[in-house]
C-alpha atoms as a PDB file:
ATOM      1  CA  MET A   1     -30.482  31.517  93.631  1.00  0.00           C
ATOM      2  CA  GLN A   2     -32.152  29.295  95.741  1.00  0.00           C
ATOM      3  CA  LEU A   3     -33.287  32.021  98.568  1.00  0.00           C
ATOM      4  CA  GLU A   4     -35.863  29.656 100.744  1.00  0.00           C
ATOM      5  CA  GLY A   5     -33.561  28.365 103.820  1.00  0.00           C
ATOM      6  CA  SER A   6     -30.776  30.635 102.637  1.00  0.00           C
ATOM      7  CA  VAL A   7     -28.808  33.263 105.054  1.00  0.00           C
ATOM      8  CA  ILE A   8     -28.304  36.305 104.048  1.00  0.00           C
ATOM      9  CA  ASN A   9     -25.882  39.612 104.302  1.00  0.00           C
ATOM     10  CA  PHE A  10     -27.656  42.889 104.013  1.00  0.00           C
ATOM     11  CA  LEU A  11     -25.045  45.548 104.757  1.00  0.00           C
ATOM     12  CA  GLY A  12     -26.159  49.119 104.436  1.00  0.00           C
ATOM     13  CA  ASP A  13     -27.591  52.595 105.973  1.00  0.00           C
ATOM     14  CA  SER A  14     -31.050  54.020 107.427  1.00  0.00           C
ATOM     15  CA  ILE A  15     -32.916  52.212 104.952  1.00  0.00           C
ATOM     16  CA  THR A  16     -31.548  48.922 105.691  1.00  0.00           C
ATOM     17  CA  GLN A  17     -31.404  49.492 108.875  1.00  0.00           C
ATOM     18  CA  GLY A  18     -35.969  50.254 108.811  1.00  0.00           C
ATOM     19  CA  SER A  19     -36.177  53.965 108.924  1.00  0.00           C
ATOM     20  CA  GLY A  20     -39.375  54.845 107.592  1.00  0.00           C
ATOM     21  CA  ALA A  21     -40.499  51.573 108.692  1.00  0.00           C
ATOM     22  CA  SER A  22     -42.999  51.277 111.134  1.00  0.00           C
ATOM     23  CA  SER A  23     -41.522  47.847 113.039  1.00  0.00           C
ATOM     24  CA  GLU A  24     -38.437  45.873 112.592  1.00  0.00           C
ATOM     25  CA  GLU A  25     -40.588  43.471 110.861  1.00  0.00           C
ATOM     26  CA  THR A  26     -41.925  45.469 108.596  1.00  0.00           C
ATOM     27  CA  ARG A  27     -38.056  46.927 107.746  1.00  0.00           C
ATOM     28  CA  TYR A  28     -37.312  45.465 103.955  1.00  0.00           C
ATOM     29  CA  THR A  29     -35.288  42.938 104.919  1.00  0.00           C
ATOM     30  CA  ASN A  30     -37.140  41.028 107.209  1.00  0.00           C
ATOM     31  CA  VAL A  31     -40.400  41.258 104.959  1.00  0.00           C
ATOM     32  CA  LEU A  32     -37.681  39.440 102.136  1.00  0.00           C
ATOM     33  CA  ALA A  33     -37.142  36.793 105.157  1.00  0.00           C
ATOM     34  CA  ARG A  34     -41.186  36.001 105.286  1.00  0.00           C
ATOM     35  CA  MET A  35     -41.420  36.516 101.499  1.00  0.00           C
ATOM     36  CA  TYR A  36     -39.238  34.091 100.638  1.00  0.00           C
ATOM     37  CA  GLY A  37     -38.558  31.588 103.186  1.00  0.00           C
ATOM     38  CA  LEU A  38     -34.540  32.699 104.184  1.00  0.00           C
ATOM     39  CA  LYS A  39     -33.273  31.266 107.397  1.00  0.00           C
ATOM     40  CA  LYS A  40     -32.165  34.909 108.460  1.00  0.00           C
ATOM     41  CA  ALA A  41     -31.638  37.924 107.393  1.00  0.00           C
ATOM     42  CA  ASN A  42     -28.637  39.222 108.643  1.00  0.00           C
ATOM     43  CA  ASN A  43     -28.976  42.853 109.201  1.00  0.00           C
ATOM     44  CA  TYR A  44     -25.629  45.798 108.552  1.00  0.00           C
ATOM     45  CA  GLY A  45     -27.646  48.138 108.175  1.00  0.00           C
ATOM     46  CA  ILE A  46     -26.778  52.255 110.327  1.00  0.00           C
ATOM     47  CA  GLY A  47     -28.530  55.157 109.848  1.00  0.00           C
ATOM     48  CA  GLY A  48     -25.968  57.672 108.374  1.00  0.00           C
ATOM     49  CA  THR A  49     -22.947  55.258 107.590  1.00  0.00           C
ATOM     50  CA  ARG A  50     -21.579  56.093 103.583  1.00  0.00           C
ATOM     51  CA  ILE A  51     -19.697  53.806 101.773  1.00  0.00           C
ATOM     52  CA  ALA A  52     -16.569  55.863 101.659  1.00  0.00           C
ATOM     53  CA  ARG A  53     -13.960  56.876 104.778  1.00  0.00           C
ATOM     54  CA  GLN A  54     -14.966  60.218 105.690  1.00  0.00           C
ATOM     55  CA  ARG A  55     -11.989  62.371 105.951  1.00  0.00           C
ATOM     56  CA  VAL A  56     -12.802  62.627 110.219  1.00  0.00           C
ATOM     57  CA  ILE A  57     -13.502  59.468 112.515  1.00  0.00           C
ATOM     58  CA  THR A  58     -14.888  59.636 115.632  1.00  0.00           C
ATOM     59  CA  ASP A  59     -15.699  56.495 117.746  1.00  0.00           C
ATOM     60  CA  SER A  60     -19.375  57.131 116.753  1.00  0.00           C
ATOM     61  CA  PRO A  61     -21.085  54.266 114.861  1.00  0.00           C
ATOM     62  CA  TYR A  62     -21.864  57.095 112.037  1.00  0.00           C
ATOM     63  CA  ASP A  63     -18.751  56.742 110.365  1.00  0.00           C
ATOM     64  CA  GLN A  64     -17.981  52.762 110.897  1.00  0.00           C
ATOM     65  CA  ASP A  65     -18.255  53.163 106.588  1.00  0.00           C
ATOM     66  CA  TYR A  66     -19.022  49.905 104.985  1.00  0.00           C
ATOM     67  CA  CYS A  67     -15.798  49.444 104.419  1.00  0.00           C
ATOM     68  CA  MET A  68     -14.772  48.924 107.820  1.00  0.00           C
ATOM     69  CA  ARG A  69     -18.186  47.020 108.243  1.00  0.00           C
ATOM     70  CA  CYS A  70     -17.858  44.563 105.173  1.00  0.00           C
ATOM     71  CA  ARG A  71     -15.160  42.595 106.481  1.00  0.00           C
ATOM     72  CA  GLU A  72     -16.789  41.734 110.042  1.00  0.00           C
ATOM     73  CA  MET A  73     -20.499  39.637 108.587  1.00  0.00           C
ATOM     74  CA  ASP A  74     -20.741  36.368 109.118  1.00  0.00           C
ATOM     75  CA  GLU A  75     -18.659  34.727 106.029  1.00  0.00           C
ATOM     76  CA  SER A  76     -20.693  32.239 106.017  1.00  0.00           C
ATOM     77  CA  ALA A  77     -24.153  33.643 104.935  1.00  0.00           C
ATOM     78  CA  ASP A  78     -24.873  32.575 101.339  1.00  0.00           C
ATOM     79  CA  ALA A  79     -24.979  35.748  99.176  1.00  0.00           C
ATOM     80  CA  VAL A  80     -25.065  39.732 100.462  1.00  0.00           C
ATOM     81  CA  VAL A  81     -26.822  42.289  99.703  1.00  0.00           C
ATOM     82  CA  VAL A  82     -24.773  46.075  99.726  1.00  0.00           C
ATOM     83  CA  PHE A  83     -27.720  49.023  99.144  1.00  0.00           C
ATOM     84  CA  GLY A  84     -25.969  52.585  99.820  1.00  0.00           C
ATOM     85  CA  GLY A  85     -24.775  55.839  98.329  1.00  0.00           C
ATOM     86  CA  THR A  86     -27.058  58.195  99.821  1.00  0.00           C
ATOM     87  CA  ASN A  87     -25.306  59.536 101.818  1.00  0.00           C
ATOM     88  CA  ASP A  88     -22.013  59.736 100.145  1.00  0.00           C
ATOM     89  CA  TYR A  89     -24.277  62.255  98.056  1.00  0.00           C
ATOM     90  CA  GLY A  90     -26.099  63.615 100.569  1.00  0.00           C
ATOM     91  CA  HIS A  91     -23.170  64.586 103.587  1.00  0.00           C
ATOM     92  CA  GLY A  92     -20.026  62.442 102.774  1.00  0.00           C
ATOM     93  CA  ASP A  93     -16.616  64.745 103.053  1.00  0.00           C
ATOM     94  CA  ALA A  94     -14.547  62.002 101.068  1.00  0.00           C
ATOM     95  CA  PRO A  95     -14.032  63.105  97.635  1.00  0.00           C
ATOM     96  CA  ILE A  96     -15.336  61.567  93.816  1.00  0.00           C
ATOM     97  CA  GLY A  97     -11.693  60.659  92.900  1.00  0.00           C
ATOM     98  CA  THR A  98     -10.473  59.031  90.201  1.00  0.00           C
ATOM     99  CA  PRO A  99     -11.137  55.436  88.593  1.00  0.00           C
ATOM    100  CA  GLN A 100      -7.230  54.437  89.070  1.00  0.00           C
ATOM    101  CA  ASP A 101      -7.952  54.748  93.871  1.00  0.00           C
ATOM    102  CA  ARG A 102      -8.151  51.522  95.168  1.00  0.00           C
ATOM    103  CA  THR A 103      -8.683  53.326  99.035  1.00  0.00           C
ATOM    104  CA  PRO A 104     -12.105  53.883 100.152  1.00  0.00           C
ATOM    105  CA  ALA A 105     -10.435  58.037 101.000  1.00  0.00           C
ATOM    106  CA  THR A 106     -12.154  58.239  97.862  1.00  0.00           C
ATOM    107  CA  PHE A 107     -15.811  57.546  96.694  1.00  0.00           C
ATOM    108  CA  TYR A 108     -14.312  55.333  93.451  1.00  0.00           C
ATOM    109  CA  GLY A 109     -11.929  54.264  96.157  1.00  0.00           C
ATOM    110  CA  ALA A 110     -14.482  52.921  98.437  1.00  0.00           C
ATOM    111  CA  CYS A 111     -16.283  51.561  96.048  1.00  0.00           C
ATOM    112  CA  HIS A 112     -13.067  49.195  94.591  1.00  0.00           C
ATOM    113  CA  ASP A 113     -12.512  48.596  97.296  1.00  0.00           C
ATOM    114  CA  LEU A 114     -15.744  46.732  98.903  1.00  0.00           C
ATOM    115  CA  MET A 115     -16.879  45.193  95.888  1.00  0.00           C
ATOM    116  CA  SER A 116     -13.407  43.648  95.557  1.00  0.00           C
ATOM    117  CA  THR A 117     -13.338  42.599  99.404  1.00  0.00           C
ATOM    118  CA  LEU A 118     -17.173  40.681  98.976  1.00  0.00           C
ATOM    119  CA  GLN A 119     -16.345  39.648  96.051  1.00  0.00           C
ATOM    120  CA  THR A 120     -13.342  37.690  97.423  1.00  0.00           C
ATOM    121  CA  ILE A 121     -14.494  36.633 101.234  1.00  0.00           C
ATOM    122  CA  TYR A 122     -17.740  35.331  99.291  1.00  0.00           C
ATOM    123  CA  VAL A 123     -16.199  34.066  95.823  1.00  0.00           C
ATOM    124  CA  GLY A 124     -18.270  32.198  94.410  1.00  0.00           C
ATOM    125  CA  LYS A 125     -21.431  33.379  96.269  1.00  0.00           C
ATOM    126  CA  PRO A 126     -23.796  36.082  95.125  1.00  0.00           C
ATOM    127  CA  VAL A 127     -22.721  39.618  95.580  1.00  0.00           C
ATOM    128  CA  LEU A 128     -26.422  41.614  94.641  1.00  0.00           C
ATOM    129  CA  VAL A 129     -24.903  45.619  94.221  1.00  0.00           C
ATOM    130  CA  VAL A 130     -27.691  47.736  95.022  1.00  0.00           C
ATOM    131  CA  THR A 131     -27.965  51.094  93.318  1.00  0.00           C
ATOM    132  CA  PRO A 132     -29.915  54.022  95.628  1.00  0.00           C
ATOM    133  CA  LEU A 133     -33.008  55.043  95.755  1.00  0.00           C
ATOM    134  CA  ARG A 134     -33.856  58.416  94.209  1.00  0.00           C
ATOM    135  CA  ARG A 135     -34.807  61.305  96.430  1.00  0.00           C
ATOM    136  CA  PHE A 136     -35.869  64.469  96.871  1.00  0.00           C
ATOM    137  CA  ASN A 137     -33.011  67.829  96.016  1.00  0.00           C
ATOM    138  CA  GLU A 138     -31.425  64.912  94.173  1.00  0.00           C
ATOM    139  CA  ASP A 139     -29.860  67.168  91.795  1.00  0.00           C
ATOM    140  CA  ASN A 140     -28.161  69.395  94.493  1.00  0.00           C
ATOM    141  CA  PRO A 141     -24.297  69.298  94.116  1.00  0.00           C
ATOM    142  CA  LEU A 142     -24.676  70.638  97.827  1.00  0.00           C
ATOM    143  CA  GLY A 143     -25.967  67.476  98.222  1.00  0.00           C
ATOM    144  CA  ASP A 144     -28.254  67.797 101.513  1.00  0.00           C
ATOM    145  CA  GLY A 145     -26.670  70.850 101.833  1.00  0.00           C
ATOM    146  CA  SER A 146     -24.147  70.184 104.513  1.00  0.00           C
ATOM    147  CA  LYS A 147     -21.530  70.856 101.983  1.00  0.00           C
ATOM    148  CA  PRO A 148     -19.199  73.417 101.598  1.00  0.00           C
ATOM    149  CA  LEU A 149     -18.257  72.946  98.150  1.00  0.00           C
ATOM    150  CA  PRO A 150     -20.164  71.846  95.049  1.00  0.00           C
ATOM    151  CA  VAL A 151     -19.509  67.982  94.674  1.00  0.00           C
ATOM    152  CA  ALA A 152     -21.516  66.069  91.947  1.00  0.00           C
ATOM    153  CA  PRO A 153     -25.672  65.052  92.315  1.00  0.00           C
ATOM    154  CA  LEU A 154     -25.863  61.748  93.501  1.00  0.00           C
ATOM    155  CA  ARG A 155     -26.827  59.886  89.809  1.00  0.00           C
ATOM    156  CA  VAL A 156     -23.088  60.570  89.279  1.00  0.00           C
ATOM    157  CA  TYR A 157     -22.234  58.305  93.128  1.00  0.00           C
ATOM    158  CA  ARG A 158     -24.539  56.338  91.508  1.00  0.00           C
ATOM    159  CA  ASP A 159     -23.245  55.704  87.936  1.00  0.00           C
ATOM    160  CA  ILE A 160     -20.007  55.591  89.620  1.00  0.00           C
ATOM    161  CA  ILE A 161     -21.227  52.107  91.944  1.00  0.00           C
ATOM    162  CA  LEU A 162     -22.650  50.653  87.981  1.00  0.00           C
ATOM    163  CA  GLU A 163     -19.466  51.363  87.134  1.00  0.00           C
ATOM    164  CA  VAL A 164     -17.633  49.498  89.344  1.00  0.00           C
ATOM    165  CA  ALA A 165     -19.562  46.598  89.944  1.00  0.00           C
ATOM    166  CA  PHE A 166     -18.973  46.059  85.951  1.00  0.00           C
ATOM    167  CA  ALA A 167     -15.146  45.817  86.742  1.00  0.00           C
ATOM    168  CA  TYR A 168     -15.951  43.166  89.214  1.00  0.00           C
ATOM    169  CA  SER A 169     -18.572  41.740  86.988  1.00  0.00           C
ATOM    170  CA  LEU A 170     -20.908  41.835  90.137  1.00  0.00           C
ATOM    171  CA  PRO A 171     -25.129  42.075  89.390  1.00  0.00           C
ATOM    172  CA  VAL A 172     -26.607  45.333  89.911  1.00  0.00           C
ATOM    173  CA  LEU A 173     -29.958  45.512  91.126  1.00  0.00           C
ATOM    174  CA  ASP A 174     -30.058  49.283  89.904  1.00  0.00           C
ATOM    175  CA  LEU A 175     -32.877  51.000  92.039  1.00  0.00           C
ATOM    176  CA  TYR A 176     -31.789  54.154  91.134  1.00  0.00           C
ATOM    177  CA  ALA A 177     -33.530  54.258  86.898  1.00  0.00           C
ATOM    178  CA  THR A 178     -36.326  50.711  88.051  1.00  0.00           C
ATOM    179  CA  SER A 179     -37.216  51.781  92.170  1.00  0.00           C
ATOM    180  CA  GLY A 180     -40.852  53.451  90.601  1.00  0.00           C
ATOM    181  CA  ILE A 181     -39.940  55.377  93.937  1.00  0.00           C
ATOM    182  CA  GLN A 182     -39.193  58.568  91.913  1.00  0.00           C
ATOM    183  CA  PRO A 183     -40.501  61.621  95.063  1.00  0.00           C
ATOM    184  CA  ALA A 184     -40.376  64.289  92.205  1.00  0.00           C
ATOM    185  CA  ASN A 185     -44.418  62.943  91.440  1.00  0.00           C
ATOM    186  CA  PRO A 186     -46.398  63.848  94.587  1.00  0.00           C
ATOM    187  CA  VAL A 187     -48.581  60.949  94.831  1.00  0.00           C
ATOM    188  CA  VAL A 188     -45.059  58.883  94.719  1.00  0.00           C
ATOM    189  CA  MET A 189     -43.955  60.803  97.604  1.00  0.00           C
ATOM    190  CA  GLU A 190     -47.220  60.766  99.718  1.00  0.00           C
ATOM    191  CA  ARG A 191     -47.433  56.924  99.130  1.00  0.00           C
ATOM    192  CA  LEU A 192     -44.417  55.825  98.832  1.00  0.00           C
ATOM    193  CA  LEU A 193     -41.389  58.459 100.041  1.00  0.00           C
ATOM    194  CA  PRO A 194     -42.827  60.249 102.600  1.00  0.00           C
ATOM    195  CA  ASP A 195     -40.208  62.348 103.630  1.00  0.00           C
ATOM    196  CA  GLY A 196     -38.361  62.483  99.897  1.00  0.00           C
ATOM    197  CA  LEU A 197     -36.010  60.102 101.126  1.00  0.00           C
ATOM    198  CA  HIS A 198     -37.028  57.014 103.701  1.00  0.00           C
ATOM    199  CA  PRO A 199     -39.804  54.364 102.183  1.00  0.00           C
ATOM    200  CA  ASN A 200     -42.879  53.733 104.968  1.00  0.00           C
ATOM    201  CA  VAL A 201     -44.720  50.262 105.168  1.00  0.00           C
ATOM    202  CA  ALA A 202     -45.500  50.403 101.321  1.00  0.00           C
ATOM    203  CA  GLY A 203     -42.326  51.015  99.838  1.00  0.00           C
ATOM    204  CA  HIS A 204     -40.146  49.013 101.968  1.00  0.00           C
ATOM    205  CA  ALA A 205     -41.877  46.095 100.990  1.00  0.00           C
ATOM    206  CA  LEU A 206     -41.779  47.142  97.589  1.00  0.00           C
ATOM    207  CA  ILE A 207     -38.241  46.908  97.900  1.00  0.00           C
ATOM    208  CA  ALA A 208     -37.980  43.615  99.570  1.00  0.00           C
ATOM    209  CA  ARG A 209     -39.779  42.684  96.252  1.00  0.00           C
ATOM    210  CA  ARG A 210     -36.952  43.819  94.139  1.00  0.00           C
ATOM    211  CA  ILE A 211     -34.590  42.149  95.851  1.00  0.00           C
ATOM    212  CA  GLY A 212     -36.079  39.361  96.449  1.00  0.00           C
ATOM    213  CA  GLU A 213     -36.236  38.262  92.454  1.00  0.00           C
ATOM    214  CA  ALA A 214     -33.405  40.111  91.771  1.00  0.00           C
ATOM    215  CA  LEU A 215     -31.434  37.281  93.842  1.00  0.00           C
ATOM    216  CA  LYS A 216     -33.280  34.830  92.504  1.00  0.00           C
ATOM    217  CA  LEU A 217     -31.909  35.623  89.153  1.00  0.00           C
ATOM    218  CA  LEU A 218     -28.612  34.911  90.443  1.00  0.00           C
END
């Protein structure tokens, strides 16, 4: 797609909101906008949010899942980037579910609901699905430790995102596999992901380039 002069919606969590960046100007959405000459980068990132609906929902923005918010974005945008899943792994209370699920109450169902909705609203426009970054403690089936029972490591959530995106023929940027950000390497963690979860300024710049180059191919 032609990025210069385009309007892109970015749906995400704290990374999209800008956690780890030094300012709004250094979060990846705004870096990408400057780098590729976007007309506007609509930022729909809310820290702590998850793709799937939680069992207990409050009025807090924290509980506004992606399936709720994807219906409230600018429908005239030229493309959509959806980047999430790490909080579903880390502290989400929705079950994994099964591939047959189609409601937001499970992770499988929420991925189907989200991707089907985005494909319908933005029919014929690029919808780029971005998998979660690698993170500290990503093999713990208890997530960040707050889950009462074991569920699955982060790679299972990533695999479900890939599976469902394939079902809708949506393009995927698999940052889990190809970002080069691996906090198990202490030098990489220090320079790109210092808290093991949120990229710093250099990490945001790297993500901006990766997403921008992926969008150019669509």
